[in-house]
Amino acid sequence: METPAFEPELAADDEFIKMRLPEVTGACTDVASSLPDAGKSESEMAVRGVRGATTVSEDKPELIREAARELMEEILRRNQISDFDDVISAVFTTTGDLVSAFPAEAARHMGMNSVPLLCAQEIPVPGSMPRCLRILLHVNSERSPREIEHVYLRDAQRLRPDLRSAQ
């Protein structure tokens, strides 16, 4: 016995949308096939998240920017990311005791001028590591999730001793 196809009830405006759907879908397919990466399969390129953390000795703008730059450079180096066009976005977080500078400024100084960057504050969990700066980088990569190397520097190595880069 075949299961009947689900057909939702249509409002008057929905009839218009239903009539135009093949036209819109075809236009989307035409646009997608004209994109430069249209020939790549999903197995060749995927969006990956790369995490990293470090610590800052004092809440001083130059020390925050220096730590953020060091961490970003190490994330990029270890994951062989050499083209900022492969970077989709980056989220920077700091603990509540680091407030004198935006860590994303370091990425801007490195040339990430077209990459969306966001700074936020970590949840103040009691007993969490003080003066900690974290980065979550979203990238297009041919690497599998197991091949992505997350980077923990300075005292932040204690956060993830299970990771190869934290050794």
N, C-alpha and C. Protein backbone atom coordinates (compact mmCIF):
# COMPACT_ATOMS: atom_id res chain seq x y z
N MET A 1 0.84 -1.18 0.00
CA MET A 1 0.00 0.00 0.00
C MET A 1 0.88 1.24 0.00
N GLU A 2 0.67 2.12 -0.95
CA GLU A 2 1.45 3.35 -1.04
C GLU A 2 0.94 4.39 -0.07
N THR A 3 1.91 5.12 0.50
CA THR A 3 1.55 6.23 1.37
C THR A 3 1.21 7.42 0.48
N PRO A 4 0.06 8.05 0.72
CA PRO A 4 -0.29 9.20 -0.14
C PRO A 4 0.69 10.35 0.09
N ALA A 5 0.96 11.09 -0.96
CA ALA A 5 1.86 12.24 -0.86
C ALA A 5 1.21 13.31 0.01
N PHE A 6 2.02 13.96 0.81
CA PHE A 6 1.51 15.03 1.66
C PHE A 6 1.26 16.26 0.82
N GLU A 7 0.06 16.76 0.85
CA GLU A 7 -0.30 17.96 0.11
C GLU A 7 -0.97 18.92 1.08
N PRO A 8 -0.25 19.94 1.54
CA PRO A 8 -0.85 20.86 2.49
C PRO A 8 -1.98 21.66 1.84
N GLU A 9 -2.90 22.10 2.67
CA GLU A 9 -3.97 22.95 2.15
C GLU A 9 -3.35 24.27 1.71
N LEU A 10 -3.82 24.78 0.60
CA LEU A 10 -3.27 26.01 0.06
C LEU A 10 -4.21 27.18 0.26
N ALA A 11 -3.66 28.27 0.71
CA ALA A 11 -4.42 29.51 0.77
C ALA A 11 -4.43 30.10 -0.63
N ALA A 12 -5.21 31.14 -0.85
CA ALA A 12 -5.30 31.76 -2.18
C ALA A 12 -3.94 32.21 -2.69
N ASP A 13 -3.11 32.83 -1.83
CA ASP A 13 -1.79 33.29 -2.25
C ASP A 13 -0.85 32.14 -2.54
N ASP A 14 -1.07 30.99 -1.89
CA ASP A 14 -0.20 29.84 -2.08
C ASP A 14 -0.32 29.27 -3.49
N GLU A 15 -1.51 29.40 -4.14
CA GLU A 15 -1.68 28.92 -5.50
C GLU A 15 -0.71 29.63 -6.44
N PHE A 16 -0.56 30.94 -6.26
CA PHE A 16 0.36 31.72 -7.08
C PHE A 16 1.78 31.21 -6.89
N ILE A 17 2.18 30.98 -5.64
CA ILE A 17 3.53 30.49 -5.34
C ILE A 17 3.73 29.12 -5.96
N LYS A 18 2.73 28.25 -5.83
CA LYS A 18 2.84 26.90 -6.38
C LYS A 18 2.99 26.94 -7.90
N MET A 19 2.27 27.85 -8.56
CA MET A 19 2.38 27.97 -10.02
C MET A 19 3.76 28.45 -10.42
N ARG A 20 4.38 29.33 -9.62
CA ARG A 20 5.67 29.92 -9.96
C ARG A 20 6.85 29.08 -9.50
N LEU A 21 6.63 28.08 -8.62
CA LEU A 21 7.72 27.31 -8.04
C LEU A 21 8.67 26.70 -9.07
N PRO A 22 8.17 26.03 -10.12
CA PRO A 22 9.11 25.48 -11.11
C PRO A 22 9.98 26.56 -11.75
N GLU A 23 9.38 27.72 -12.00
CA GLU A 23 10.10 28.84 -12.61
C GLU A 23 11.22 29.33 -11.68
N VAL A 24 10.89 29.49 -10.40
CA VAL A 24 11.87 29.96 -9.41
C VAL A 24 12.95 28.92 -9.20
N THR A 25 12.57 27.66 -9.08
CA THR A 25 13.54 26.59 -8.88
C THR A 25 14.50 26.52 -10.05
N GLY A 26 13.98 26.63 -11.26
CA GLY A 26 14.83 26.61 -12.44
C GLY A 26 15.81 27.76 -12.45
N ALA A 27 15.36 28.95 -12.03
CA ALA A 27 16.25 30.12 -11.98
C ALA A 27 17.35 29.90 -10.97
N CYS A 28 17.00 29.30 -9.82
CA CYS A 28 18.03 29.02 -8.80
C CYS A 28 19.06 28.04 -9.32
N THR A 29 18.61 27.03 -10.04
CA THR A 29 19.53 26.05 -10.60
C THR A 29 20.45 26.71 -11.62
N ASP A 30 19.89 27.60 -12.45
CA ASP A 30 20.71 28.31 -13.44
C ASP A 30 21.78 29.15 -12.76
N VAL A 31 21.40 29.87 -11.70
CA VAL A 31 22.36 30.71 -10.98
C VAL A 31 23.43 29.84 -10.33
N ALA A 32 23.02 28.76 -9.66
CA ALA A 32 23.98 27.90 -8.97
C ALA A 32 24.98 27.28 -9.94
N SER A 33 24.51 26.88 -11.13
CA SER A 33 25.43 26.25 -12.09
C SER A 33 26.40 27.25 -12.69
N SER A 34 26.11 28.54 -12.59
CA SER A 34 27.01 29.55 -13.15
C SER A 34 28.06 30.02 -12.15
N LEU A 35 27.98 29.58 -10.89
CA LEU A 35 28.95 29.99 -9.89
C LEU A 35 30.30 29.34 -10.14
N PRO A 36 31.41 30.01 -9.76
CA PRO A 36 32.74 29.48 -10.04
C PRO A 36 33.00 28.10 -9.45
N ASP A 37 32.48 27.79 -8.28
CA ASP A 37 32.75 26.51 -7.64
C ASP A 37 31.67 25.47 -7.95
N ALA A 38 30.84 25.72 -8.95
CA ALA A 38 29.71 24.84 -9.23
C ALA A 38 30.16 23.43 -9.59
N GLY A 39 31.36 23.27 -10.12
CA GLY A 39 31.84 21.96 -10.51
C GLY A 39 32.37 21.12 -9.37
N LYS A 40 32.55 21.71 -8.18
CA LYS A 40 33.12 20.96 -7.06
C LYS A 40 32.03 20.14 -6.38
N SER A 41 32.39 18.93 -6.01
CA SER A 41 31.44 18.10 -5.27
C SER A 41 31.56 18.41 -3.79
N GLU A 42 30.53 18.00 -3.04
CA GLU A 42 30.53 18.26 -1.60
C GLU A 42 31.70 17.58 -0.91
N SER A 43 32.16 16.46 -1.44
CA SER A 43 33.26 15.75 -0.80
C SER A 43 34.58 16.50 -0.95
N GLU A 44 34.67 17.39 -1.93
CA GLU A 44 35.89 18.15 -2.13
C GLU A 44 36.00 19.35 -1.20
N MET A 45 34.90 20.01 -0.91
CA MET A 45 34.93 21.23 -0.12
C MET A 45 33.74 21.22 0.83
N ALA A 46 34.01 21.56 2.08
CA ALA A 46 32.94 21.62 3.08
C ALA A 46 33.24 22.74 4.07
N VAL A 47 32.23 23.19 4.77
CA VAL A 47 32.41 24.18 5.81
C VAL A 47 32.87 23.46 7.07
N ARG A 48 33.94 23.93 7.65
CA ARG A 48 34.49 23.34 8.88
C ARG A 48 34.65 24.43 9.93
N GLY A 49 34.55 24.04 11.18
CA GLY A 49 34.81 24.92 12.29
C GLY A 49 36.16 24.59 12.89
N VAL A 50 36.96 25.60 13.14
CA VAL A 50 38.28 25.41 13.74
C VAL A 50 38.30 26.22 15.03
N ARG A 51 38.57 25.55 16.14
CA ARG A 51 38.58 26.22 17.44
C ARG A 51 40.00 26.49 17.89
N GLY A 52 40.10 27.48 18.75
CA GLY A 52 41.39 27.77 19.37
C GLY A 52 41.19 28.61 20.61
N ALA A 53 42.16 28.55 21.50
CA ALA A 53 42.11 29.37 22.71
C ALA A 53 43.52 29.67 23.17
N THR A 54 43.64 30.78 23.87
CA THR A 54 44.91 31.18 24.46
C THR A 54 44.59 32.02 25.69
N THR A 55 45.62 32.41 26.39
CA THR A 55 45.42 33.28 27.54
C THR A 55 46.23 34.55 27.37
N VAL A 56 45.84 35.57 28.11
CA VAL A 56 46.48 36.88 28.06
C VAL A 56 46.92 37.20 29.48
N SER A 57 48.16 37.65 29.65
CA SER A 57 48.70 37.88 30.99
C SER A 57 48.04 39.04 31.72
N GLU A 58 47.65 40.10 30.98
CA GLU A 58 47.01 41.27 31.58
C GLU A 58 45.99 41.84 30.61
N ASP A 59 45.05 42.59 31.16
CA ASP A 59 44.04 43.24 30.32
C ASP A 59 44.58 44.54 29.75
N LYS A 60 45.43 44.41 28.75
CA LYS A 60 46.00 45.56 28.04
C LYS A 60 45.73 45.36 26.56
N PRO A 61 45.31 46.43 25.86
CA PRO A 61 44.96 46.29 24.44
C PRO A 61 46.03 45.61 23.60
N GLU A 62 47.28 46.01 23.76
CA GLU A 62 48.34 45.44 22.93
C GLU A 62 48.55 43.95 23.23
N LEU A 63 48.33 43.52 24.47
CA LEU A 63 48.49 42.11 24.82
C LEU A 63 47.33 41.27 24.28
N ILE A 64 46.14 41.83 24.28
CA ILE A 64 44.98 41.13 23.71
C ILE A 64 45.16 40.95 22.20
N ARG A 65 45.55 42.04 21.52
CA ARG A 65 45.76 41.95 20.07
C ARG A 65 46.90 40.99 19.73
N GLU A 66 47.98 41.03 20.51
CA GLU A 66 49.12 40.13 20.28
C GLU A 66 48.70 38.67 20.45
N ALA A 67 47.96 38.37 21.50
CA ALA A 67 47.51 37.00 21.74
C ALA A 67 46.55 36.53 20.65
N ALA A 68 45.65 37.41 20.23
CA ALA A 68 44.69 37.06 19.18
C ALA A 68 45.42 36.81 17.85
N ARG A 69 46.40 37.63 17.55
CA ARG A 69 47.16 37.45 16.31
C ARG A 69 47.96 36.14 16.35
N GLU A 70 48.61 35.88 17.46
CA GLU A 70 49.38 34.64 17.60
C GLU A 70 48.49 33.42 17.42
N LEU A 71 47.32 33.44 18.05
CA LEU A 71 46.40 32.31 17.95
C LEU A 71 45.87 32.17 16.52
N MET A 72 45.46 33.27 15.91
CA MET A 72 44.95 33.21 14.54
C MET A 72 46.01 32.71 13.57
N GLU A 73 47.22 33.22 13.68
CA GLU A 73 48.29 32.78 12.80
C GLU A 73 48.55 31.28 12.96
N GLU A 74 48.50 30.80 14.19
CA GLU A 74 48.76 29.37 14.43
C GLU A 74 47.61 28.50 13.90
N ILE A 75 46.38 28.96 14.07
CA ILE A 75 45.23 28.23 13.50
C ILE A 75 45.37 28.14 11.98
N LEU A 76 45.69 29.26 11.34
CA LEU A 76 45.84 29.30 9.89
C LEU A 76 47.00 28.41 9.44
N ARG A 77 48.14 28.50 10.13
CA ARG A 77 49.32 27.72 9.75
C ARG A 77 49.07 26.22 9.88
N ARG A 78 48.57 25.79 11.03
CA ARG A 78 48.38 24.35 11.27
C ARG A 78 47.33 23.73 10.36
N ASN A 79 46.40 24.54 9.88
CA ASN A 79 45.34 24.02 9.01
C ASN A 79 45.55 24.39 7.55
N GLN A 80 46.74 24.90 7.24
CA GLN A 80 47.16 25.25 5.88
C GLN A 80 46.12 26.13 5.17
N ILE A 81 45.65 27.15 5.90
CA ILE A 81 44.72 28.12 5.34
C ILE A 81 45.55 29.34 4.94
N SER A 82 45.71 29.51 3.65
CA SER A 82 46.57 30.60 3.16
C SER A 82 45.80 31.69 2.43
N ASP A 83 44.53 31.45 2.16
CA ASP A 83 43.72 32.40 1.41
C ASP A 83 42.53 32.82 2.28
N PHE A 84 42.43 34.11 2.60
CA PHE A 84 41.34 34.60 3.43
C PHE A 84 39.98 34.42 2.75
N ASP A 85 39.95 34.18 1.43
CA ASP A 85 38.69 33.90 0.75
C ASP A 85 38.09 32.57 1.22
N ASP A 86 38.91 31.70 1.82
CA ASP A 86 38.41 30.44 2.37
C ASP A 86 37.82 30.61 3.76
N VAL A 87 38.03 31.77 4.37
CA VAL A 87 37.50 32.02 5.71
C VAL A 87 36.11 32.63 5.58
N ILE A 88 35.12 31.95 6.11
CA ILE A 88 33.73 32.40 6.01
C ILE A 88 33.45 33.46 7.07
N SER A 89 33.84 33.18 8.32
CA SER A 89 33.62 34.12 9.41
C SER A 89 34.44 33.68 10.61
N ALA A 90 34.55 34.57 11.58
CA ALA A 90 35.28 34.25 12.82
C ALA A 90 34.54 34.86 13.99
N VAL A 91 34.44 34.08 15.06
CA VAL A 91 33.86 34.54 16.31
C VAL A 91 34.97 34.55 17.36
N PHE A 92 35.14 35.68 17.98
CA PHE A 92 36.15 35.84 19.04
C PHE A 92 35.41 36.02 20.35
N THR A 93 35.83 35.30 21.38
CA THR A 93 35.25 35.52 22.70
C THR A 93 36.37 35.76 23.70
N THR A 94 36.03 36.52 24.73
CA THR A 94 36.97 36.73 25.84
C THR A 94 36.21 36.55 27.14
N THR A 95 36.94 36.21 28.17
CA THR A 95 36.34 36.16 29.49
C THR A 95 36.10 37.60 29.95
N GLY A 96 35.28 37.76 30.97
CA GLY A 96 34.87 39.08 31.43
C GLY A 96 35.99 39.95 31.96
N ASP A 97 37.16 39.38 32.18
CA ASP A 97 38.29 40.16 32.68
C ASP A 97 39.17 40.71 31.56
N LEU A 98 38.78 40.50 30.30
CA LEU A 98 39.50 41.06 29.14
C LEU A 98 38.54 41.99 28.40
N VAL A 99 38.64 43.29 28.68
CA VAL A 99 37.69 44.24 28.11
C VAL A 99 38.33 45.47 27.45
N SER A 100 39.66 45.51 27.39
CA SER A 100 40.31 46.73 26.91
C SER A 100 40.49 46.80 25.40
N ALA A 101 40.19 45.73 24.67
CA ALA A 101 40.33 45.75 23.21
C ALA A 101 39.47 44.66 22.59
N PHE A 102 39.11 44.87 21.32
CA PHE A 102 38.43 43.83 20.55
C PHE A 102 39.49 42.91 19.94
N PRO A 103 39.46 41.62 20.24
CA PRO A 103 40.46 40.72 19.64
C PRO A 103 40.37 40.64 18.12
N ALA A 104 39.21 40.93 17.57
CA ALA A 104 39.06 40.89 16.11
C ALA A 104 39.92 41.93 15.41
N GLU A 105 40.34 42.97 16.14
CA GLU A 105 41.22 43.98 15.55
C GLU A 105 42.49 43.33 14.99
N ALA A 106 42.97 42.29 15.66
CA ALA A 106 44.18 41.60 15.19
C ALA A 106 43.95 40.98 13.81
N ALA A 107 42.77 40.40 13.61
CA ALA A 107 42.46 39.79 12.30
C ALA A 107 42.37 40.86 11.23
N ARG A 108 41.80 42.00 11.56
CA ARG A 108 41.73 43.10 10.58
C ARG A 108 43.13 43.55 10.19
N HIS A 109 44.02 43.65 11.18
CA HIS A 109 45.40 44.07 10.88
C HIS A 109 46.15 43.03 10.05
N MET A 110 45.69 41.77 10.11
CA MET A 110 46.29 40.71 9.30
C MET A 110 45.78 40.75 7.86
N GLY A 111 44.74 41.53 7.60
CA GLY A 111 44.20 41.63 6.24
C GLY A 111 42.84 40.99 6.05
N MET A 112 42.20 40.52 7.12
CA MET A 112 40.87 39.92 7.00
C MET A 112 39.82 41.03 6.92
N ASN A 113 39.88 41.82 5.88
CA ASN A 113 38.99 42.97 5.75
C ASN A 113 37.62 42.62 5.18
N SER A 114 37.51 41.49 4.49
CA SER A 114 36.22 41.08 3.91
C SER A 114 35.57 39.95 4.68
N VAL A 115 36.20 39.51 5.75
CA VAL A 115 35.67 38.41 6.55
C VAL A 115 34.79 38.97 7.67
N PRO A 116 33.57 38.47 7.82
CA PRO A 116 32.74 38.91 8.94
C PRO A 116 33.35 38.43 10.27
N LEU A 117 33.57 39.37 11.17
CA LEU A 117 34.18 39.07 12.47
C LEU A 117 33.22 39.52 13.56
N LEU A 118 33.16 38.75 14.64
CA LEU A 118 32.27 39.07 15.75
C LEU A 118 32.99 38.82 17.06
N CYS A 119 32.87 39.77 17.98
CA CYS A 119 33.42 39.61 19.33
C CYS A 119 32.27 39.46 20.31
N ALA A 120 32.47 38.60 21.30
CA ALA A 120 31.47 38.38 22.34
C ALA A 120 32.17 38.03 23.64
N GLN A 121 31.39 38.03 24.71
CA GLN A 121 31.95 37.69 26.01
C GLN A 121 31.51 36.29 26.41
N GLU A 122 32.42 35.52 26.96
CA GLU A 122 32.12 34.17 27.44
C GLU A 122 31.14 34.20 28.60
N ILE A 123 30.44 33.13 28.81
CA ILE A 123 29.57 32.98 29.97
C ILE A 123 30.47 32.91 31.20
N PRO A 124 30.18 33.68 32.24
CA PRO A 124 31.06 33.71 33.42
C PRO A 124 30.85 32.50 34.34
N VAL A 125 31.31 31.34 33.91
CA VAL A 125 31.16 30.12 34.70
C VAL A 125 32.14 30.16 35.87
N PRO A 126 31.67 29.93 37.09
CA PRO A 126 32.58 29.94 38.25
C PRO A 126 33.70 28.91 38.07
N GLY A 127 34.91 29.33 38.34
CA GLY A 127 36.06 28.44 38.24
C GLY A 127 36.65 28.30 36.84
N SER A 128 36.08 29.00 35.86
CA SER A 128 36.62 28.89 34.50
C SER A 128 37.95 29.62 34.41
N MET A 129 38.70 29.29 33.36
CA MET A 129 40.03 29.87 33.17
C MET A 129 39.94 31.39 32.99
N PRO A 130 40.71 32.14 33.77
CA PRO A 130 40.69 33.60 33.64
C PRO A 130 41.50 34.08 32.43
N ARG A 131 41.22 35.30 31.99
CA ARG A 131 41.93 35.97 30.90
C ARG A 131 42.11 35.06 29.68
N CYS A 132 41.00 34.45 29.28
CA CYS A 132 41.04 33.49 28.16
C CYS A 132 40.38 34.11 26.93
N LEU A 133 41.02 33.94 25.80
CA LEU A 133 40.56 34.43 24.50
C LEU A 133 40.36 33.21 23.61
N ARG A 134 39.19 33.13 22.99
CA ARG A 134 38.89 31.99 22.12
C ARG A 134 38.53 32.49 20.72
N ILE A 135 38.78 31.62 19.75
CA ILE A 135 38.40 31.90 18.36
C ILE A 135 37.70 30.67 17.81
N LEU A 136 36.59 30.90 17.12
CA LEU A 136 35.93 29.87 16.32
C LEU A 136 35.94 30.38 14.89
N LEU A 137 36.71 29.71 14.06
CA LEU A 137 36.88 30.11 12.67
C LEU A 137 36.06 29.17 11.79
N HIS A 138 35.24 29.72 10.91
CA HIS A 138 34.46 28.93 9.95
C HIS A 138 35.17 29.04 8.61
N VAL A 139 35.54 27.89 8.05
CA VAL A 139 36.31 27.90 6.80
C VAL A 139 35.77 26.90 5.79
N ASN A 140 36.01 27.20 4.52
CA ASN A 140 35.80 26.21 3.46
C ASN A 140 37.08 25.39 3.41
N SER A 141 36.93 24.07 3.48
CA SER A 141 38.12 23.23 3.53
C SER A 141 37.87 21.90 2.86
N GLU A 142 38.93 21.35 2.31
CA GLU A 142 38.88 20.00 1.76
C GLU A 142 39.22 18.97 2.83
N ARG A 143 39.62 19.43 4.01
CA ARG A 143 39.96 18.51 5.11
C ARG A 143 38.70 17.90 5.72
N SER A 144 38.85 16.69 6.21
CA SER A 144 37.76 16.05 6.95
C SER A 144 37.75 16.63 8.36
N PRO A 145 36.66 16.45 9.11
CA PRO A 145 36.65 16.94 10.48
C PRO A 145 37.80 16.40 11.33
N ARG A 146 38.21 15.17 11.10
CA ARG A 146 39.32 14.58 11.86
C ARG A 146 40.67 15.20 11.51
N GLU A 147 40.76 15.80 10.33
CA GLU A 147 42.02 16.42 9.90
C GLU A 147 42.16 17.86 10.36
N ILE A 148 41.08 18.45 10.84
CA ILE A 148 41.13 19.82 11.35
C ILE A 148 41.93 19.82 12.65
N GLU A 149 42.86 20.76 12.76
CA GLU A 149 43.67 20.84 13.98
C GLU A 149 43.25 22.06 14.79
N HIS A 150 42.68 21.80 15.95
CA HIS A 150 42.28 22.85 16.87
C HIS A 150 43.52 23.25 17.68
N VAL A 151 43.63 24.53 18.00
CA VAL A 151 44.88 25.06 18.56
C VAL A 151 44.64 25.66 19.94
N TYR A 152 45.40 25.19 20.90
CA TYR A 152 45.33 25.72 22.27
C TYR A 152 46.74 26.12 22.68
N LEU A 153 46.91 27.39 23.02
CA LEU A 153 48.22 27.94 23.34
C LEU A 153 48.28 28.41 24.79
N ARG A 154 49.51 28.62 25.24
CA ARG A 154 49.76 29.16 26.58
C ARG A 154 49.01 28.32 27.63
N ASP A 155 48.43 28.97 28.64
CA ASP A 155 47.72 28.23 29.69
C ASP A 155 46.47 27.53 29.19
N ALA A 156 45.94 27.97 28.05
CA ALA A 156 44.73 27.35 27.49
C ALA A 156 44.96 25.91 27.05
N GLN A 157 46.20 25.47 26.96
CA GLN A 157 46.48 24.07 26.64
C GLN A 157 45.83 23.14 27.65
N ARG A 158 45.64 23.62 28.87
CA ARG A 158 45.02 22.81 29.92
C ARG A 158 43.54 22.56 29.64
N LEU A 159 42.92 23.38 28.80
CA LEU A 159 41.50 23.21 28.50
C LEU A 159 41.22 21.93 27.72
N ARG A 160 42.12 21.56 26.84
CA ARG A 160 41.91 20.38 25.99
C ARG A 160 43.18 19.55 25.86
N PRO A 161 43.59 18.90 26.94
CA PRO A 161 44.81 18.08 26.85
C PRO A 161 44.63 16.87 25.93
N ASP A 162 43.38 16.54 25.59
CA ASP A 162 43.11 15.40 24.72
C ASP A 162 43.44 15.68 23.25
N LEU A 163 43.57 16.94 22.90
CA LEU A 163 43.86 17.28 21.51
C LEU A 163 45.34 17.27 21.23
N ARG A 164 45.69 16.82 20.04
CA ARG A 164 47.09 16.73 19.64
C ARG A 164 47.80 18.07 19.75
N SER A 165 47.13 19.17 19.36
CA SER A 165 47.78 20.47 19.36
C SER A 165 48.00 21.01 20.77
N ALA A 166 47.34 20.41 21.75
CA ALA A 166 47.48 20.88 23.12
C ALA A 166 48.63 20.18 23.83
N GLN A 167 49.27 19.26 23.15
CA GLN A 167 50.38 18.51 23.77
C GLN A 167 51.67 19.28 23.73
